[in-house]
Amino acid sequence: MITSHAPSAKAAACELTAATRHLCTGVYVDERFRDLVLDEVCTASHRRVAPSYGFDIVPVMHHAWRAAALSALLRVTLAGAVVAPAVTGALPAAILVACGFALLWLLHLATLLRDADRDPKPRRKSQRRGLGPGRGHRRLFRMLFPRRYSEKARALRRIGLAALYLTLTSVTIALVHPDHAATASHVAAGVTLTCLGTGAARQFMLNRILHAPALRPARLSGRQRAADEQQQHLCAVYRRPRHSEDEDEDDLTVFTLFGDESPFIGAGELVYQWNPPMSIQLLRPGDDDAPLHEREHPVPPFQAHELVEYLRAAVQLLDTDSADVRLPAQVRDRVYVAETDVAVDRSLLPQQFSQADLRVIINTPGSKQHHFLEVTTPAEGSEFVATVLLHVSLQGRTLSISTAACVLAHTPRSFQRTAEFGHHGFTAVIWAALRELTTLPSEIQRSWRLVRYLYTVGKAIALPRDLTTTPIRNVLIGSRVSIRERSAQSWSKIQLEKSDILGRMKTIEQRLLHAAGDFLLAKGVDTSEFNDRALKIINSGIFNFGDNNNFNNNAVGNAAQVGVSANQPPGPNNPSGGGNQ
């Protein structure tokens, strides 16, 4: 699975980076992110795990289960505080506990209703799955107050009346059944201690994640071993977009070589590409006026894999310089296969790739196994990871080279806050316990998610650790989600780090181009056209670097006009038809 030229992928993947620590922290502080890890990685054994860039997915899976168990413990305690007294004959005590929980929930609901009319700050649409903040609460308000939701005063009055009725009911039951009232107080004390212990345990785990020299569990479960193998595998199974016939509309103004969805799953946001690829005829050096059949090489003077190996060796030298000028560059091979092709031919996804297999893929134009030379450069503990992918093809007496670059940006601040002043240590454990107590009303509202946790545990127990090795009818195994991509900042939001990342990609690009020029010159190929194209690429700006290149409301040519509907057919009465009739 690992070529002899590339560094150990296992060593790179298992390295404990800052990104791994932050993702492990994220499963404790963000429940939506934790659900994403559990649903799309821990229990999705029928899909391939996306390649890991700059982090190790195994400790993230391990801590996701621990974080879910902590939340489930508190929610089991809340449910048991009502159910246990009821089934043991202490029904009045159960009613008292239920009334207390209802009062806390009403307090939480009143707080949310008070803040509901405040204008929220504009935010980027979240890419993580789940309800956005406040969306579930708004639905709840519409259900409880379908006609008078906008009348805040009347809604708060209803909540106040409900709280008054619950208080009177609790006082009446406590006066009639004092023994059951004492039992209810003991249950409430147990719930409080459990809540404090849950918050303290969560912060203790965050402290351990911050300082532990290793985060991998001593023994891996079957699912963790499968995910570990897939994140390091040479082959990535990507998901093809839906067919255009299934889409309502198609945006033709986005100029991109790979479509709206990047096939480089896990590598991050696609920010750079050669569009179109560079195509160089294999001509002998000589007189430009000579006929083509006299100048061209009827048989290529080299094979595609020879150029790839030469470029690999040239880029690896960047990682051998002295520490003050070294550019950390991890070079490896990557093979991309579409999930629909794997469904037809399972041999496209072997367990291992030998050196001979890779050479066959590289030297075979039009292969369904798309080979890329992958150069990855991490920064700030892999909080930023830039990946340059280069594809080489020899066909039709022409050399074709295409390049794309993807970027993974930093994780959210909530994932990194543990390292800040006052957010770790013994004092932070105490504050976390008290803070957990203040979130008890919201935990009461989310107690139903205990059923979801039990369902997830059932899936993990019932499903095999890996269902991607055996074909299953109507099941595609392509990677759907990369948890690192979902938690990454958008490329358009990057500030000072953007220039450093672009500089690194430019450095790698220039070295690849110069090394390719030297290789062609050594093989007796005229490099004049290649040098001209390379110079344009190096000095390029808008078409190769930057964000999405959208061109809207543009007109080119004589008598061209803007503002005509795109669905209006050209004709004599339509100026966009172009030309004279």
Protein backbone atom coordinates (compact mmCIF):
# COMPACT_ATOMS: atom_id res chain seq x y z
CA MET A 1 0.00 0.00 0.00
CA ILE A 2 3.00 2.31 0.51
CA THR A 3 5.47 3.01 -2.23
CA SER A 4 9.17 2.82 -1.50
CA HIS A 5 9.64 6.47 -2.51
CA ALA A 6 7.05 7.95 -0.17
CA PRO A 7 7.45 8.44 3.57
CA SER A 8 5.47 6.19 5.83
CA ALA A 9 1.82 7.15 5.63
CA LYS A 10 1.16 5.33 8.88
CA ALA A 11 3.75 7.44 10.71
CA ALA A 12 2.31 10.66 9.22
CA ALA A 13 -1.27 9.72 10.06
CA CYS A 14 -0.51 8.61 13.64
CA GLU A 15 1.50 11.73 14.46
CA LEU A 16 -0.16 13.68 17.26
CA THR A 17 -0.79 17.14 15.85
CA ALA A 18 -2.59 20.19 17.18
CA ALA A 19 -5.40 19.50 14.71
CA THR A 20 -5.92 16.04 16.26
CA ARG A 21 -6.10 17.54 19.75
CA HIS A 22 -8.58 20.18 18.63
CA LEU A 23 -10.84 17.68 16.88
CA CYS A 24 -10.82 15.47 19.98
CA THR A 25 -11.82 18.55 21.97
CA GLY A 26 -14.56 19.34 19.48
CA VAL A 27 -16.55 16.20 20.25
CA TYR A 28 -16.91 17.39 23.86
CA VAL A 29 -17.83 21.02 23.20
CA ASP A 30 -19.99 20.65 20.06
CA GLU A 31 -22.73 18.03 20.11
CA ARG A 32 -23.49 18.43 16.41
CA PHE A 33 -19.86 17.70 15.56
CA ARG A 34 -19.91 14.70 17.88
CA ASP A 35 -23.03 13.35 16.17
CA LEU A 36 -21.30 13.81 12.83
CA VAL A 37 -18.37 11.67 13.96
CA LEU A 38 -20.62 8.99 15.41
CA ASP A 39 -23.00 8.82 12.46
CA GLU A 40 -20.60 9.26 9.53
CA VAL A 41 -17.48 7.52 10.85
CA CYS A 42 -18.07 5.35 13.90
CA THR A 43 -21.23 3.61 12.66
CA ALA A 44 -21.07 4.13 8.87
CA SER A 45 -19.24 0.90 8.12
CA HIS A 46 -20.71 0.77 4.60
CA ARG A 47 -18.74 3.86 3.51
CA ARG A 48 -15.04 4.48 3.17
CA VAL A 49 -13.40 6.84 5.63
CA ALA A 50 -11.99 9.89 3.90
CA PRO A 51 -8.20 10.32 3.83
CA SER A 52 -6.85 12.16 6.87
CA TYR A 53 -4.70 15.22 6.25
CA GLY A 54 -2.81 16.49 9.27
CA PHE A 55 -4.78 14.53 11.88
CA ASP A 56 -5.53 11.03 13.12
CA ILE A 57 -9.16 9.98 13.10
CA VAL A 58 -8.79 7.10 15.58
CA PRO A 59 -8.52 9.20 18.79
CA VAL A 60 -11.34 11.42 17.53
CA MET A 61 -13.59 8.35 17.25
CA HIS A 62 -12.47 7.18 20.70
CA HIS A 63 -13.28 10.49 22.38
CA ALA A 64 -16.55 10.84 20.49
CA TRP A 65 -17.83 7.71 22.24
CA ARG A 66 -16.58 8.99 25.59
CA ALA A 67 -18.24 12.37 25.13
CA ALA A 68 -21.50 10.72 24.10
CA ALA A 69 -21.34 8.43 27.13
CA LEU A 70 -20.96 11.43 29.46
CA SER A 71 -23.98 13.18 27.97
CA ALA A 72 -25.96 9.93 28.03
CA LEU A 73 -25.11 9.40 31.71
CA LEU A 74 -26.62 12.75 32.64
CA ARG A 75 -29.71 12.16 30.51
CA VAL A 76 -30.19 8.68 31.92
CA THR A 77 -30.04 10.22 35.39
CA LEU A 78 -32.70 12.77 34.44
CA ALA A 79 -34.99 10.10 33.06
CA GLY A 80 -34.33 7.76 35.95
CA ALA A 81 -35.08 10.50 38.47
CA VAL A 82 -38.70 10.42 37.32
CA VAL A 83 -39.13 6.79 36.29
CA ALA A 84 -37.41 5.10 39.25
CA PRO A 85 -39.65 6.61 42.00
CA ALA A 86 -42.73 5.91 39.90
CA VAL A 87 -41.98 2.20 39.43
CA THR A 88 -41.00 1.74 43.09
CA GLY A 89 -44.33 3.02 44.43
CA ALA A 90 -43.25 6.58 45.21
CA LEU A 91 -45.52 8.24 42.65
CA PRO A 92 -45.85 11.55 44.55
CA ALA A 93 -42.06 11.84 44.65
CA ALA A 94 -41.92 11.20 40.91
CA ILE A 95 -44.50 13.94 40.34
CA LEU A 96 -42.52 16.36 42.49
CA VAL A 97 -39.33 15.65 40.54
CA ALA A 98 -41.19 15.99 37.24
CA CYS A 99 -42.66 19.33 38.37
CA GLY A 100 -39.18 20.55 39.29
CA PHE A 101 -37.83 19.59 35.87
CA ALA A 102 -40.79 21.26 34.20
CA LEU A 103 -40.15 24.48 36.14
CA LEU A 104 -36.50 24.47 35.02
CA TRP A 105 -37.56 23.86 31.45
CA LEU A 106 -40.07 26.72 31.57
CA LEU A 107 -37.32 28.98 32.89
CA HIS A 108 -35.15 27.95 29.96
CA LEU A 109 -38.05 28.52 27.55
CA ALA A 110 -38.73 31.99 28.98
CA THR A 111 -35.07 32.92 28.54
CA LEU A 112 -35.11 31.80 24.94
CA LEU A 113 -38.36 33.64 24.27
CA ARG A 114 -36.93 36.81 25.76
CA ASP A 115 -33.99 36.68 23.35
CA ALA A 116 -36.00 35.49 20.35
CA ASP A 117 -36.75 38.95 18.93
CA ARG A 118 -33.18 40.18 19.07
CA ASP A 119 -31.64 40.69 15.66
CA PRO A 120 -29.02 37.98 15.17
CA LYS A 121 -25.70 38.87 13.65
CA PRO A 122 -25.25 37.71 10.06
CA ARG A 123 -23.39 34.43 10.01
CA ARG A 124 -22.08 32.12 7.36
CA LYS A 125 -24.34 29.17 6.80
CA SER A 126 -23.04 26.28 8.86
CA GLN A 127 -21.70 23.32 6.87
CA ARG A 128 -22.06 20.97 9.77
CA ARG A 129 -25.10 18.81 9.83
CA GLY A 130 -27.89 19.44 12.30
CA LEU A 131 -30.28 22.19 13.27
CA GLY A 132 -28.78 25.62 13.36
CA PRO A 133 -28.78 27.55 16.62
CA GLY A 134 -32.29 28.67 17.47
CA ARG A 135 -34.05 26.84 14.63
CA GLY A 136 -35.37 24.07 16.86
CA HIS A 137 -36.46 26.60 19.47
CA ARG A 138 -38.39 28.63 16.88
CA ARG A 139 -40.24 25.51 15.79
CA LEU A 140 -41.05 24.76 19.41
CA PHE A 141 -42.41 28.30 19.92
CA ARG A 142 -44.60 28.03 16.81
CA MET A 143 -46.01 24.78 18.09
CA LEU A 144 -46.72 26.11 21.59
CA PHE A 145 -47.88 29.57 20.50
CA PRO A 146 -49.07 29.17 16.90
CA ARG A 147 -51.02 32.42 16.71
CA ARG A 148 -49.46 34.63 19.33
CA TYR A 149 -45.75 33.84 18.98
CA SER A 150 -45.01 37.48 18.10
CA GLU A 151 -46.85 38.70 21.19
CA LYS A 152 -44.04 38.14 23.63
CA ALA A 153 -45.88 39.47 26.65
CA ARG A 154 -48.78 37.05 26.28
CA ALA A 155 -46.45 34.15 25.66
CA LEU A 156 -44.47 34.97 28.80
CA ARG A 157 -47.75 35.26 30.70
CA ARG A 158 -48.67 31.74 29.64
CA ILE A 159 -45.31 30.48 30.79
CA GLY A 160 -45.76 32.28 34.11
CA LEU A 161 -49.20 30.76 34.63
CA ALA A 162 -47.86 27.28 33.87
CA ALA A 163 -45.03 27.83 36.34
CA LEU A 164 -47.53 28.98 38.97
CA TYR A 165 -49.70 25.89 38.52
CA LEU A 166 -46.65 23.63 38.76
CA THR A 167 -45.48 25.40 41.92
CA LEU A 168 -48.90 25.08 43.58
CA THR A 169 -49.06 21.44 42.62
CA SER A 170 -45.61 20.79 44.07
CA VAL A 171 -46.41 22.61 47.33
CA THR A 172 -49.70 20.73 47.72
CA ILE A 173 -48.09 17.32 47.16
CA ALA A 174 -45.21 18.19 49.51
CA LEU A 175 -47.66 19.17 52.30
CA VAL A 176 -49.79 16.08 51.83
CA HIS A 177 -46.85 13.65 51.44
CA PRO A 178 -43.88 14.99 53.41
CA ASP A 179 -42.04 11.65 53.24
CA HIS A 180 -42.22 11.67 49.45
CA ALA A 181 -41.05 15.29 49.44
CA ALA A 182 -37.92 14.20 51.31
CA THR A 183 -37.40 11.42 48.76
CA ALA A 184 -37.77 13.93 45.93
CA SER A 185 -35.20 16.21 47.56
CA HIS A 186 -32.75 13.30 47.76
CA VAL A 187 -33.34 12.54 44.09
CA ALA A 188 -32.78 16.21 43.23
CA ALA A 189 -29.53 16.15 45.17
CA GLY A 190 -28.42 13.07 43.23
CA VAL A 191 -29.23 14.78 39.94
CA THR A 192 -27.25 17.83 41.03
CA LEU A 193 -24.21 15.75 41.98
CA THR A 194 -24.40 13.85 38.70
CA CYS A 195 -24.56 17.10 36.77
CA LEU A 196 -21.56 18.50 38.65
CA GLY A 197 -19.63 15.28 38.13
CA THR A 198 -20.40 15.22 34.42
CA GLY A 199 -19.12 18.75 33.93
CA ALA A 200 -15.98 18.05 35.95
CA ALA A 201 -15.31 14.80 34.07
CA ARG A 202 -15.72 16.54 30.72
CA GLN A 203 -13.22 19.25 31.66
CA PHE A 204 -10.84 16.62 33.04
CA MET A 205 -10.90 14.90 29.65
CA LEU A 206 -10.23 18.23 27.93
CA ASN A 207 -7.24 18.80 30.20
CA ARG A 208 -5.93 15.35 29.38
CA ILE A 209 -6.33 15.95 25.64
CA LEU A 210 -4.32 19.15 26.00
CA HIS A 211 -1.36 17.57 27.80
CA ALA A 212 -1.35 13.85 26.95
CA PRO A 213 1.67 12.71 24.90
CA ALA A 214 -0.54 10.21 23.04
CA LEU A 215 -4.28 10.08 22.42
CA ARG A 216 -4.65 6.75 20.66
CA PRO A 217 -6.27 4.00 22.77
CA ALA A 218 -4.03 1.12 23.76
CA ARG A 219 -6.28 -1.36 21.97
CA LEU A 220 -8.27 -0.51 18.88
CA SER A 221 -11.76 -1.79 18.29
CA GLY A 222 -12.64 -3.48 15.02
CA ARG A 223 -14.21 -0.35 13.61
CA GLN A 224 -11.24 1.78 14.68
CA ARG A 225 -8.83 -0.60 12.95
CA ALA A 226 -10.91 -0.42 9.76
CA ALA A 227 -11.02 3.39 9.89
CA ASP A 228 -7.27 3.50 10.55
CA GLU A 229 -6.56 1.37 7.49
CA GLN A 230 -8.87 3.42 5.27
CA GLN A 231 -7.52 6.82 6.33
CA GLN A 232 -4.01 5.67 5.37
CA HIS A 233 -4.98 3.80 2.21
CA LEU A 234 -3.43 4.89 -1.04
CA CYS A 235 -6.80 4.88 -2.82
CA ALA A 236 -9.61 7.34 -2.14
CA VAL A 237 -13.11 6.53 -3.34
CA TYR A 238 -14.83 9.77 -4.24
CA ARG A 239 -18.50 10.48 -4.76
CA ARG A 240 -19.67 11.66 -8.15
CA PRO A 241 -22.24 14.51 -8.19
CA ARG A 242 -25.80 13.77 -9.16
CA HIS A 243 -26.56 13.58 -12.84
CA SER A 244 -27.54 16.86 -14.46
CA GLU A 245 -30.94 15.42 -15.32
CA ASP A 246 -31.67 15.14 -11.60
CA GLU A 247 -30.79 18.78 -10.90
CA ASP A 248 -33.28 21.61 -11.06
CA GLU A 249 -30.78 24.04 -12.52
CA ASP A 250 -27.15 24.12 -13.56
CA ASP A 251 -24.91 27.11 -12.91
CA LEU A 252 -22.81 27.54 -16.05
CA THR A 253 -21.01 30.64 -14.79
CA VAL A 254 -18.61 28.76 -12.52
CA PHE A 255 -15.39 28.01 -14.37
CA THR A 256 -13.88 24.98 -12.67
CA LEU A 257 -12.18 21.90 -13.99
CA PHE A 258 -13.70 19.50 -11.46
CA GLY A 259 -17.28 20.77 -11.18
CA ASP A 260 -19.12 22.13 -8.15
CA GLU A 261 -17.95 19.30 -5.86
CA SER A 262 -14.27 18.59 -5.42
CA PRO A 263 -13.35 14.92 -5.91
CA PHE A 264 -10.41 15.34 -3.52
CA ILE A 265 -12.38 14.30 -0.46
CA GLY A 266 -10.66 15.18 2.81
CA ALA A 267 -8.09 17.53 1.26
CA GLY A 268 -10.19 20.62 1.93
CA GLU A 269 -11.53 23.46 -0.17
CA LEU A 270 -10.36 23.53 -3.79
CA VAL A 271 -8.70 26.94 -4.24
CA TYR A 272 -6.34 26.48 -7.16
CA GLN A 273 -6.22 24.67 -10.50
CA TRP A 274 -4.70 24.76 -13.94
CA ASN A 275 -7.70 25.27 -16.15
CA PRO A 276 -7.23 23.98 -18.79
CA PRO A 277 -4.34 21.55 -18.15
CA MET A 278 -0.96 22.18 -19.76
CA SER A 279 -0.52 20.17 -22.98
CA ILE A 280 2.96 20.03 -24.53
CA GLN A 281 3.71 18.34 -27.85
CA LEU A 282 6.72 16.05 -27.68
CA LEU A 283 8.89 17.77 -30.32
CA ARG A 284 12.61 17.53 -30.90
CA PRO A 285 14.67 20.71 -30.54
CA GLY A 286 15.30 22.25 -33.92
CA ASP A 287 14.00 24.54 -36.61
CA ASP A 288 10.45 25.69 -35.92
CA ASP A 289 9.77 25.76 -39.68
CA ALA A 290 10.44 22.03 -40.07
CA PRO A 291 7.40 19.82 -40.74
CA LEU A 292 5.65 18.35 -37.73
CA HIS A 293 6.36 14.73 -38.69
CA GLU A 294 10.08 15.48 -38.74
CA ARG A 295 10.20 17.21 -35.37
CA GLU A 296 7.86 15.14 -33.21
CA HIS A 297 8.76 11.98 -31.34
CA PRO A 298 6.64 9.18 -32.83
CA VAL A 299 7.46 7.16 -29.73
CA PRO A 300 7.60 9.13 -26.43
CA PRO A 301 11.22 9.29 -25.20
CA PHE A 302 10.05 8.51 -21.66
CA GLN A 303 7.16 6.98 -19.77
CA ALA A 304 4.80 8.97 -17.58
CA HIS A 305 5.90 7.24 -14.38
CA GLU A 306 9.50 8.32 -15.00
CA LEU A 307 8.46 11.97 -14.92
CA VAL A 308 6.38 11.38 -11.79
CA GLU A 309 9.30 9.75 -9.98
CA TYR A 310 11.62 12.58 -11.03
CA LEU A 311 9.19 15.21 -9.74
CA ARG A 312 8.71 13.30 -6.48
CA ALA A 313 12.43 13.26 -5.83
CA ALA A 314 12.73 16.97 -6.68
CA VAL A 315 9.98 18.02 -4.25
CA GLN A 316 11.24 15.81 -1.43
CA LEU A 317 14.42 17.88 -1.32
CA LEU A 318 12.40 20.79 0.12
CA ASP A 319 11.98 18.82 3.33
CA THR A 320 15.72 18.17 3.73
CA ASP A 321 16.90 21.78 4.08
CA SER A 322 18.04 23.34 7.34
CA ALA A 323 15.35 24.12 9.89
CA ASP A 324 15.40 27.88 9.27
CA VAL A 325 14.47 27.59 5.57
CA ARG A 326 12.92 24.14 5.39
CA LEU A 327 9.52 23.80 3.76
CA PRO A 328 7.81 20.79 5.35
CA ALA A 329 6.57 18.75 2.42
CA GLN A 330 5.13 15.25 2.61
CA VAL A 331 5.09 13.58 -0.83
CA ARG A 332 3.07 10.48 -1.59
CA ASP A 333 0.98 8.88 -4.32
CA ARG A 334 -2.79 9.08 -4.32
CA VAL A 335 -5.23 7.17 -6.52
CA TYR A 336 -8.82 8.39 -6.91
CA VAL A 337 -11.61 6.06 -8.04
CA ALA A 338 -15.28 6.91 -8.50
CA GLU A 339 -17.67 4.95 -6.31
CA THR A 340 -19.80 4.00 -9.31
CA ASP A 341 -16.76 2.47 -11.03
CA VAL A 342 -15.92 0.49 -7.90
CA ALA A 343 -19.49 -0.82 -7.83
CA VAL A 344 -18.94 -2.28 -11.32
CA ASP A 345 -15.34 -3.48 -10.94
CA ARG A 346 -14.21 -4.29 -7.41
CA SER A 347 -10.63 -4.86 -8.55
CA LEU A 348 -10.23 -1.07 -8.83
CA LEU A 349 -9.96 -0.98 -5.03
CA PRO A 350 -7.27 -3.50 -4.05
CA GLN A 351 -6.05 -3.97 -0.50
CA GLN A 352 -2.53 -2.90 -1.48
CA PHE A 353 -0.77 -1.16 -4.35
CA SER A 354 2.65 -2.34 -5.43
CA GLN A 355 5.17 -0.18 -7.26
CA ALA A 356 4.36 -2.04 -10.47
CA ASP A 357 0.62 -1.41 -10.02
CA LEU A 358 1.21 2.32 -9.62
CA ARG A 359 3.35 2.46 -12.73
CA VAL A 360 0.65 0.72 -14.76
CA ILE A 361 -1.95 3.24 -13.55
CA ILE A 362 0.29 6.23 -14.30
CA ASN A 363 1.22 4.94 -17.76
CA THR A 364 -2.36 4.11 -18.75
CA PRO A 365 -4.20 7.17 -20.11
CA GLY A 366 -7.94 7.09 -19.60
CA SER A 367 -7.71 4.70 -16.67
CA LYS A 368 -10.57 4.71 -14.18
CA GLN A 369 -7.91 4.85 -11.47
CA HIS A 370 -6.73 8.46 -11.51
CA HIS A 371 -3.21 8.87 -10.16
CA PHE A 372 -2.02 12.11 -8.55
CA LEU A 373 1.31 13.01 -7.04
CA GLU A 374 0.28 14.53 -3.72
CA VAL A 375 2.42 17.14 -1.96
CA THR A 376 1.15 18.17 1.47
CA THR A 377 2.59 20.99 3.57
CA PRO A 378 1.20 21.53 7.11
CA ALA A 379 1.43 24.71 9.18
CA GLU A 380 0.71 25.59 12.81
CA GLY A 381 0.41 22.01 13.97
CA SER A 382 -1.61 21.05 10.89
CA GLU A 383 -4.26 23.64 11.70
CA PHE A 384 -3.55 24.74 8.13
CA VAL A 385 -2.81 22.08 5.51
CA ALA A 386 -2.15 22.89 1.85
CA THR A 387 -2.18 20.00 -0.62
CA VAL A 388 -0.95 20.25 -4.21
CA LEU A 389 -2.01 17.41 -6.52
CA LEU A 390 -0.35 16.84 -9.89
CA HIS A 391 -1.57 14.52 -12.64
CA VAL A 392 0.59 13.43 -15.58
CA SER A 393 -0.61 11.76 -18.78
CA LEU A 394 1.07 10.78 -22.07
CA GLN A 395 -1.27 10.38 -25.02
CA GLY A 396 -1.37 11.41 -28.66
CA ARG A 397 2.34 12.32 -28.71
CA THR A 398 1.52 14.99 -26.15
CA LEU A 399 2.35 15.43 -22.48
CA SER A 400 -0.55 16.64 -20.36
CA ILE A 401 0.01 18.03 -16.87
CA SER A 402 -2.75 19.28 -14.59
CA THR A 403 -2.52 20.59 -11.05
CA ALA A 404 -4.99 21.40 -8.32
CA ALA A 405 -4.49 22.64 -4.78
CA CYS A 406 -6.73 22.29 -1.73
CA VAL A 407 -6.54 23.97 1.66
CA LEU A 408 -7.74 22.91 5.09
CA ALA A 409 -8.05 25.93 7.37
CA HIS A 410 -8.19 26.19 11.14
CA THR A 411 -10.82 24.62 13.37
CA PRO A 412 -13.37 26.72 15.35
CA ARG A 413 -12.23 28.66 18.39
CA SER A 414 -14.44 26.51 20.63
CA PHE A 415 -12.26 23.53 19.67
CA GLN A 416 -9.11 25.43 20.68
CA ARG A 417 -10.33 27.29 23.76
CA THR A 418 -9.01 24.69 26.20
CA ALA A 419 -5.47 25.95 25.61
CA GLU A 420 -6.42 29.53 26.48
CA PHE A 421 -5.72 31.10 29.86
CA GLY A 422 -8.14 29.95 32.55
CA HIS A 423 -9.68 27.18 30.45
CA HIS A 424 -7.55 24.32 31.77
CA GLY A 425 -6.26 23.13 35.09
CA PHE A 426 -7.99 22.44 38.41
CA THR A 427 -9.83 25.76 38.50
CA ALA A 428 -11.27 25.11 35.07
CA VAL A 429 -12.63 21.76 36.33
CA ILE A 430 -14.55 23.55 39.10
CA TRP A 431 -15.91 26.18 36.75
CA ALA A 432 -16.91 23.50 34.24
CA ALA A 433 -18.85 21.63 36.93
CA LEU A 434 -20.74 24.79 37.91
CA ARG A 435 -21.34 25.69 34.27
CA GLU A 436 -22.78 22.24 33.65
CA LEU A 437 -25.24 22.86 36.44
CA THR A 438 -26.45 26.03 34.73
CA THR A 439 -27.09 24.07 31.53
CA LEU A 440 -29.35 21.59 33.30
CA PRO A 441 -32.56 23.18 31.91
CA SER A 442 -31.35 22.75 28.34
CA GLU A 443 -30.28 19.17 29.12
CA ILE A 444 -33.82 18.49 30.28
CA GLN A 445 -35.08 19.62 26.89
CA ARG A 446 -32.56 17.38 25.12
CA SER A 447 -33.21 14.30 27.24
CA TRP A 448 -35.03 12.66 24.33
CA ARG A 449 -31.67 12.35 22.55
CA LEU A 450 -30.93 9.44 24.87
CA VAL A 451 -33.00 7.34 22.47
CA ARG A 452 -30.77 8.46 19.64
CA TYR A 453 -27.68 7.45 21.58
CA LEU A 454 -29.09 3.99 22.27
CA TYR A 455 -29.86 3.63 18.56
CA THR A 456 -26.28 4.59 17.69
CA VAL A 457 -24.89 2.07 20.19
CA GLY A 458 -27.15 -0.59 18.71
CA LYS A 459 -25.84 0.16 15.21
CA ALA A 460 -22.25 -0.09 16.41
CA ILE A 461 -22.92 -3.47 18.00
CA ALA A 462 -24.98 -4.96 15.19
CA LEU A 463 -23.05 -3.79 12.12
CA PRO A 464 -19.74 -5.35 11.07
CA ARG A 465 -16.63 -3.22 11.37
CA ASP A 466 -16.20 -2.88 7.59
CA LEU A 467 -18.80 -3.42 4.88
CA THR A 468 -16.80 -1.86 2.06
CA THR A 469 -14.81 -4.98 1.21
CA THR A 470 -17.84 -6.96 0.02
CA PRO A 471 -20.22 -5.66 -2.67
CA ILE A 472 -23.74 -4.91 -1.46
CA ARG A 473 -26.66 -4.33 -3.79
CA ASN A 474 -27.58 -0.63 -4.26
CA VAL A 475 -24.93 0.50 -1.75
CA LEU A 476 -22.12 2.83 -2.86
CA ILE A 477 -19.05 3.01 -0.66
CA GLY A 478 -17.63 6.42 -1.60
CA SER A 479 -16.61 8.77 1.21
CA ARG A 480 -19.43 11.18 1.98
CA VAL A 481 -18.01 13.34 4.75
CA SER A 482 -14.64 14.46 6.03
CA ILE A 483 -14.91 15.59 9.63
CA ARG A 484 -11.84 17.76 9.16
CA GLU A 485 -13.41 19.56 6.20
CA ARG A 486 -16.66 20.11 8.05
CA SER A 487 -14.86 21.80 10.95
CA ALA A 488 -12.51 23.90 8.79
CA GLN A 489 -12.86 27.63 8.29
CA SER A 490 -13.86 28.82 4.82
CA TRP A 491 -11.01 29.87 2.52
CA SER A 492 -12.60 33.28 1.95
CA LYS A 493 -12.39 33.96 5.72
CA ILE A 494 -8.64 33.34 6.00
CA GLN A 495 -6.65 36.51 6.69
CA LEU A 496 -2.90 36.79 7.31
CA GLU A 497 -2.26 33.07 6.88
CA LYS A 498 -3.53 33.21 3.29
CA SER A 499 -0.37 34.82 1.93
CA ASP A 500 1.81 32.20 3.61
CA ILE A 501 -0.30 29.35 2.22
CA LEU A 502 -0.30 30.82 -1.28
CA GLY A 503 3.46 31.30 -1.06
CA ARG A 504 3.96 27.66 -0.14
CA MET A 505 1.81 26.48 -3.01
CA LYS A 506 3.66 28.78 -5.42
CA THR A 507 6.99 27.40 -4.18
CA ILE A 508 5.86 23.82 -4.78
CA GLU A 509 4.40 24.76 -8.16
CA GLN A 510 7.58 26.47 -9.34
CA ARG A 511 9.73 23.53 -8.28
CA LEU A 512 7.46 21.10 -10.09
CA LEU A 513 7.55 23.20 -13.26
CA HIS A 514 11.30 23.71 -13.23
CA ALA A 515 11.93 20.04 -12.49
CA ALA A 516 9.61 19.04 -15.31
CA GLY A 517 11.43 21.39 -17.68
CA ASP A 518 14.80 19.89 -16.74
CA PHE A 519 13.43 16.38 -17.24
CA LEU A 520 12.04 17.17 -20.71
CA LEU A 521 15.28 18.83 -21.74
CA ALA A 522 17.25 15.78 -20.64
CA LYS A 523 14.94 13.54 -22.67
CA GLY A 524 15.47 15.51 -25.88
CA VAL A 525 12.15 17.38 -25.92
CA ASP A 526 11.86 20.97 -27.11
CA THR A 527 11.00 22.99 -23.99
CA SER A 528 10.37 26.38 -25.59
CA GLU A 529 6.60 25.99 -25.53
CA PHE A 530 6.74 24.46 -22.07
CA ASN A 531 8.80 27.36 -20.71
CA ASP A 532 6.38 29.91 -22.16
CA ARG A 533 3.41 28.13 -20.60
CA ALA A 534 5.21 27.70 -17.29
CA LEU A 535 6.08 31.39 -17.13
CA LYS A 536 2.45 32.34 -17.67
CA ILE A 537 1.32 29.96 -14.95
CA ILE A 538 3.89 31.22 -12.45
CA ASN A 539 2.89 34.83 -13.09
CA SER A 540 -0.82 34.05 -13.26
CA GLY A 541 -3.33 35.62 -10.94
CA ILE A 542 -7.09 35.54 -11.27
CA PHE A 543 -7.50 32.43 -13.39
CA ASN A 544 -5.35 30.11 -11.30
CA PHE A 545 -5.30 31.60 -7.84
CA GLY A 546 -8.10 33.01 -5.74
CA ASP A 547 -11.64 32.04 -4.89
CA ASN A 548 -14.43 31.01 -7.22
CA ASN A 549 -14.12 32.67 -10.61
CA ASN A 550 -17.68 33.74 -11.30
CA PHE A 551 -18.35 35.88 -14.35
CA ASN A 552 -21.86 37.31 -14.35
CA ASN A 553 -23.44 39.93 -16.61
CA ASN A 554 -20.50 40.14 -19.00
CA ALA A 555 -20.63 40.87 -22.70
CA VAL A 556 -17.90 40.26 -25.26
CA GLY A 557 -17.82 41.24 -28.95
CA ASN A 558 -19.45 43.81 -31.20
CA ALA A 559 -22.98 44.84 -30.28
CA ALA A 560 -22.97 42.50 -27.28
CA GLN A 561 -25.42 43.43 -24.54
CA VAL A 562 -26.04 42.47 -20.93
CA GLY A 563 -29.35 41.82 -19.24
CA VAL A 564 -30.99 39.39 -21.64
CA SER A 565 -32.53 36.33 -20.05
CA ALA A 566 -30.36 33.25 -20.30
CA ASN A 567 -33.37 31.19 -21.40
CA GLN A 568 -34.22 33.52 -24.30
CA PRO A 569 -33.13 31.90 -27.58
CA PRO A 570 -30.93 33.90 -29.93
CA GLY A 571 -32.61 35.24 -33.00
CA PRO A 572 -33.16 38.30 -35.13
CA ASN A 573 -34.91 40.16 -32.33
CA ASN A 574 -32.46 39.09 -29.64
CA PRO A 575 -29.25 41.15 -29.48
CA SER A 576 -27.46 38.32 -27.65
CA GLY A 577 -27.67 36.18 -30.73
CA GLY A 578 -24.51 37.84 -32.02
CA GLY A 579 -23.70 38.73 -35.60
CA ASN A 580 -25.78 40.16 -38.40
CA GLN A 581 -28.64 38.26 -39.94
